[in-house]
Amino acid sequence: DMRQAIDMIPSISAQQLESLRERISSPTYPIEFQAAVLAEAAKKDVKFYPHSYANLGYQMARGGSAAATQWAKALPEGKPRDLVIRGVTAHIQAADPEQVGKWMEGLDAADRRAAEQVIHHIRTVHGGK
């Protein structure tokens, strides 16, 4: 049962988390499982691929930016959290560019900087607004 698997994640070791590194972004894993694994990896400072965090932020935001933002803010400050915020930002910018500024107003300074980096990248590299 997926709920039991998610509930077990905090009890697994850093080495066990590392064993999931190659597979965690697979669509065969539900987003809730991916989120639990990556949150625990961030807490235990287990290195995962940066795109795993950014992709999860993007995917979570597809289901609702408020829930994705709340989940991201629960992560410890640092690179994984920044990457999730960047993924959420990319989704909001793609889905509703008029709302991204308003959404960013609710972020703390560090999260806002991560979001601004994505907006800057989109505007300069991809020519988006």
C-alpha atoms as a PDB file:
ATOM      1  CA  ASP A   1       0.000   0.000   0.000  1.00  0.00           C
ATOM      2  CA  MET A   2       1.381   3.409  -1.025  1.00  0.00           C
ATOM      3  CA  ARG A   3       0.392   5.146   2.234  1.00  0.00           C
ATOM      4  CA  GLN A   4       2.421   2.600   4.227  1.00  0.00           C
ATOM      5  CA  ALA A   5       5.394   3.051   1.910  1.00  0.00           C
ATOM      6  CA  ILE A   6       5.249   6.830   2.348  1.00  0.00           C
ATOM      7  CA  ASP A   7       4.917   6.497   6.122  1.00  0.00           C
ATOM      8  CA  MET A   8       8.074   4.329   6.206  1.00  0.00           C
ATOM      9  CA  ILE A   9      10.289   6.798   4.344  1.00  0.00           C
ATOM     10  CA  PRO A  10      11.458   8.788   7.419  1.00  0.00           C
ATOM     11  CA  SER A  11      12.791   5.565   8.933  1.00  0.00           C
ATOM     12  CA  ILE A  12      14.997   4.577   5.989  1.00  0.00           C
ATOM     13  CA  SER A  13      18.691   5.328   5.943  1.00  0.00           C
ATOM     14  CA  ALA A  14      20.533   7.797   3.763  1.00  0.00           C
ATOM     15  CA  GLN A  15      22.038   4.853   1.873  1.00  0.00           C
ATOM     16  CA  GLN A  16      18.569   3.458   1.165  1.00  0.00           C
ATOM     17  CA  LEU A  17      17.458   6.870  -0.051  1.00  0.00           C
ATOM     18  CA  GLU A  18      20.478   7.008  -2.351  1.00  0.00           C
ATOM     19  CA  SER A  19      19.401   3.709  -3.892  1.00  0.00           C
ATOM     20  CA  LEU A  20      16.248   5.475  -5.120  1.00  0.00           C
ATOM     21  CA  ARG A  21      18.173   8.294  -6.815  1.00  0.00           C
ATOM     22  CA  GLU A  22      18.142   6.771 -10.305  1.00  0.00           C
ATOM     23  CA  ARG A  23      14.488   5.755 -10.234  1.00  0.00           C
ATOM     24  CA  ILE A  24      12.629   8.405  -8.249  1.00  0.00           C
ATOM     25  CA  SER A  25      11.534  10.548 -11.194  1.00  0.00           C
ATOM     26  CA  SER A  26       9.972   7.605 -12.980  1.00  0.00           C
ATOM     27  CA  PRO A  27       6.284   8.079 -13.743  1.00  0.00           C
ATOM     28  CA  THR A  28       5.682   4.691 -12.128  1.00  0.00           C
ATOM     29  CA  TYR A  29       6.067   6.350  -8.722  1.00  0.00           C
ATOM     30  CA  PRO A  30       3.136   8.484  -7.620  1.00  0.00           C
ATOM     31  CA  ILE A  31       3.950  12.136  -7.053  1.00  0.00           C
ATOM     32  CA  GLU A  32       3.196  11.770  -3.327  1.00  0.00           C
ATOM     33  CA  PHE A  33       5.868   9.073  -3.030  1.00  0.00           C
ATOM     34  CA  GLN A  34       8.385  11.166  -4.957  1.00  0.00           C
ATOM     35  CA  ALA A  35       7.638  14.132  -2.703  1.00  0.00           C
ATOM     36  CA  ALA A  36       8.128  12.066   0.457  1.00  0.00           C
ATOM     37  CA  VAL A  37      11.429  10.619  -0.762  1.00  0.00           C
ATOM     38  CA  LEU A  38      12.818  13.967  -1.891  1.00  0.00           C
ATOM     39  CA  ALA A  39      11.715  15.714   1.309  1.00  0.00           C
ATOM     40  CA  GLU A  40      13.478  13.089   3.397  1.00  0.00           C
ATOM     41  CA  ALA A  41      16.555  13.279   1.152  1.00  0.00           C
ATOM     42  CA  ALA A  42      16.660  17.049   1.702  1.00  0.00           C
ATOM     43  CA  LYS A  43      16.382  16.593   5.478  1.00  0.00           C
ATOM     44  CA  LYS A  44      19.158  13.990   5.527  1.00  0.00           C
ATOM     45  CA  ASP A  45      21.290  15.921   3.012  1.00  0.00           C
ATOM     46  CA  VAL A  46      21.264  13.048   0.534  1.00  0.00           C
ATOM     47  CA  LYS A  47      22.232  14.334  -2.896  1.00  0.00           C
ATOM     48  CA  PHE A  48      19.677  13.790  -5.623  1.00  0.00           C
ATOM     49  CA  TYR A  49      19.773  15.070  -9.179  1.00  0.00           C
ATOM     50  CA  PRO A  50      18.749  18.734  -9.280  1.00  0.00           C
ATOM     51  CA  HIS A  51      16.219  18.058 -12.012  1.00  0.00           C
ATOM     52  CA  SER A  52      14.402  15.650  -9.676  1.00  0.00           C
ATOM     53  CA  TYR A  53      13.511  18.525  -7.342  1.00  0.00           C
ATOM     54  CA  ALA A  54      12.719  21.020 -10.100  1.00  0.00           C
ATOM     55  CA  ASN A  55      10.584  18.503 -12.012  1.00  0.00           C
ATOM     56  CA  LEU A  56       8.697  17.589  -8.861  1.00  0.00           C
ATOM     57  CA  GLY A  57       7.980  21.263  -8.146  1.00  0.00           C
ATOM     58  CA  TYR A  58       6.674  21.688 -11.677  1.00  0.00           C
ATOM     59  CA  GLN A  59       4.534  18.555 -11.500  1.00  0.00           C
ATOM     60  CA  MET A  60       3.155  19.424  -8.085  1.00  0.00           C
ATOM     61  CA  ALA A  61       2.245  22.927  -9.271  1.00  0.00           C
ATOM     62  CA  ARG A  62       0.194  21.380 -12.055  1.00  0.00           C
ATOM     63  CA  GLY A  63      -2.071  20.094  -9.289  1.00  0.00           C
ATOM     64  CA  GLY A  64      -2.168  23.487  -7.565  1.00  0.00           C
ATOM     65  CA  SER A  65       0.476  26.094  -6.929  1.00  0.00           C
ATOM     66  CA  ALA A  66      -0.655  26.738  -3.340  1.00  0.00           C
ATOM     67  CA  ALA A  67      -0.135  23.115  -2.278  1.00  0.00           C
ATOM     68  CA  ALA A  68       3.178  22.901  -4.150  1.00  0.00           C
ATOM     69  CA  THR A  69       4.378  26.113  -2.522  1.00  0.00           C
ATOM     70  CA  GLN A  70       3.340  24.932   0.929  1.00  0.00           C
ATOM     71  CA  TRP A  71       5.233  21.667   0.405  1.00  0.00           C
ATOM     72  CA  ALA A  72       8.325  23.539  -0.818  1.00  0.00           C
ATOM     73  CA  LYS A  73       8.282  25.864   2.190  1.00  0.00           C
ATOM     74  CA  ALA A  74       8.291  22.826   4.485  1.00  0.00           C
ATOM     75  CA  LEU A  75      11.655  21.732   3.063  1.00  0.00           C
ATOM     76  CA  PRO A  76      14.830  22.868   4.804  1.00  0.00           C
ATOM     77  CA  GLU A  77      16.354  25.994   3.296  1.00  0.00           C
ATOM     78  CA  GLY A  78      18.956  25.219   0.691  1.00  0.00           C
ATOM     79  CA  LYS A  79      19.449  23.932  -2.824  1.00  0.00           C
ATOM     80  CA  PRO A  80      16.632  21.324  -2.906  1.00  0.00           C
ATOM     81  CA  ARG A  81      14.076  23.890  -1.744  1.00  0.00           C
ATOM     82  CA  ASP A  82      15.367  26.452  -4.248  1.00  0.00           C
ATOM     83  CA  LEU A  83      15.013  23.900  -7.024  1.00  0.00           C
ATOM     84  CA  VAL A  84      11.440  23.033  -6.060  1.00  0.00           C
ATOM     85  CA  ILE A  85      10.569  26.747  -5.958  1.00  0.00           C
ATOM     86  CA  ARG A  86      12.118  27.130  -9.403  1.00  0.00           C
ATOM     87  CA  GLY A  87       9.990  24.282 -10.737  1.00  0.00           C
ATOM     88  CA  VAL A  88       6.819  25.775  -9.255  1.00  0.00           C
ATOM     89  CA  THR A  89       7.763  29.165 -10.701  1.00  0.00           C
ATOM     90  CA  ALA A  90       8.341  27.696 -14.152  1.00  0.00           C
ATOM     91  CA  HIS A  91       4.908  26.115 -14.118  1.00  0.00           C
ATOM     92  CA  ILE A  92       3.130  29.262 -12.947  1.00  0.00           C
ATOM     93  CA  GLN A  93       5.007  31.345 -15.519  1.00  0.00           C
ATOM     94  CA  ALA A  94       4.026  28.912 -18.280  1.00  0.00           C
ATOM     95  CA  ALA A  95       0.409  28.510 -17.162  1.00  0.00           C
ATOM     96  CA  ASP A  96      -0.442  32.053 -16.069  1.00  0.00           C
ATOM     97  CA  PRO A  97       2.342  34.611 -16.502  1.00  0.00           C
ATOM     98  CA  GLU A  98       0.127  37.386 -15.154  1.00  0.00           C
ATOM     99  CA  GLN A  99      -0.111  35.623 -11.761  1.00  0.00           C
ATOM    100  CA  VAL A 100       3.555  34.818 -11.185  1.00  0.00           C
ATOM    101  CA  GLY A 101       4.382  38.258  -9.716  1.00  0.00           C
ATOM    102  CA  LYS A 102       1.474  38.104  -7.300  1.00  0.00           C
ATOM    103  CA  TRP A 103       2.458  34.564  -6.261  1.00  0.00           C
ATOM    104  CA  MET A 104       6.063  35.660  -5.694  1.00  0.00           C
ATOM    105  CA  GLU A 105       4.914  38.379  -3.269  1.00  0.00           C
ATOM    106  CA  GLY A 106       4.001  35.602  -0.825  1.00  0.00           C
ATOM    107  CA  LEU A 107       7.501  34.127  -0.826  1.00  0.00           C
ATOM    108  CA  ASP A 108      10.252  34.901   1.641  1.00  0.00           C
ATOM    109  CA  ALA A 109      13.392  36.591   0.324  1.00  0.00           C
ATOM    110  CA  ALA A 110      15.400  33.409  -0.394  1.00  0.00           C
ATOM    111  CA  ASP A 111      12.499  31.720  -2.180  1.00  0.00           C
ATOM    112  CA  ARG A 112      11.767  34.900  -4.137  1.00  0.00           C
ATOM    113  CA  ARG A 113      15.402  34.997  -5.320  1.00  0.00           C
ATOM    114  CA  ALA A 114      15.086  31.419  -6.585  1.00  0.00           C
ATOM    115  CA  ALA A 115      11.859  32.333  -8.382  1.00  0.00           C
ATOM    116  CA  GLU A 116      13.397  35.484  -9.864  1.00  0.00           C
ATOM    117  CA  GLN A 117      16.253  33.428 -11.318  1.00  0.00           C
ATOM    118  CA  VAL A 118      13.738  31.346 -13.263  1.00  0.00           C
ATOM    119  CA  ILE A 119      11.858  34.398 -14.503  1.00  0.00           C
ATOM    120  CA  HIS A 120      15.147  36.009 -15.560  1.00  0.00           C
ATOM    121  CA  HIS A 121      16.178  32.822 -17.381  1.00  0.00           C
ATOM    122  CA  ILE A 122      12.848  32.535 -19.170  1.00  0.00           C
ATOM    123  CA  ARG A 123      12.955  36.172 -20.239  1.00  0.00           C
ATOM    124  CA  THR A 124      16.579  36.288 -21.367  1.00  0.00           C
ATOM    125  CA  VAL A 125      17.134  32.827 -22.799  1.00  0.00           C
ATOM    126  CA  HIS A 126      13.689  31.941 -24.074  1.00  0.00           C
ATOM    127  CA  GLY A 127      12.413  35.449 -24.808  1.00  0.00           C
ATOM    128  CA  GLY A 128       9.318  34.920 -22.669  1.00  0.00           C
ATOM    129  CA  LYS A 129       7.525  37.661 -20.821  1.00  0.00           C
END
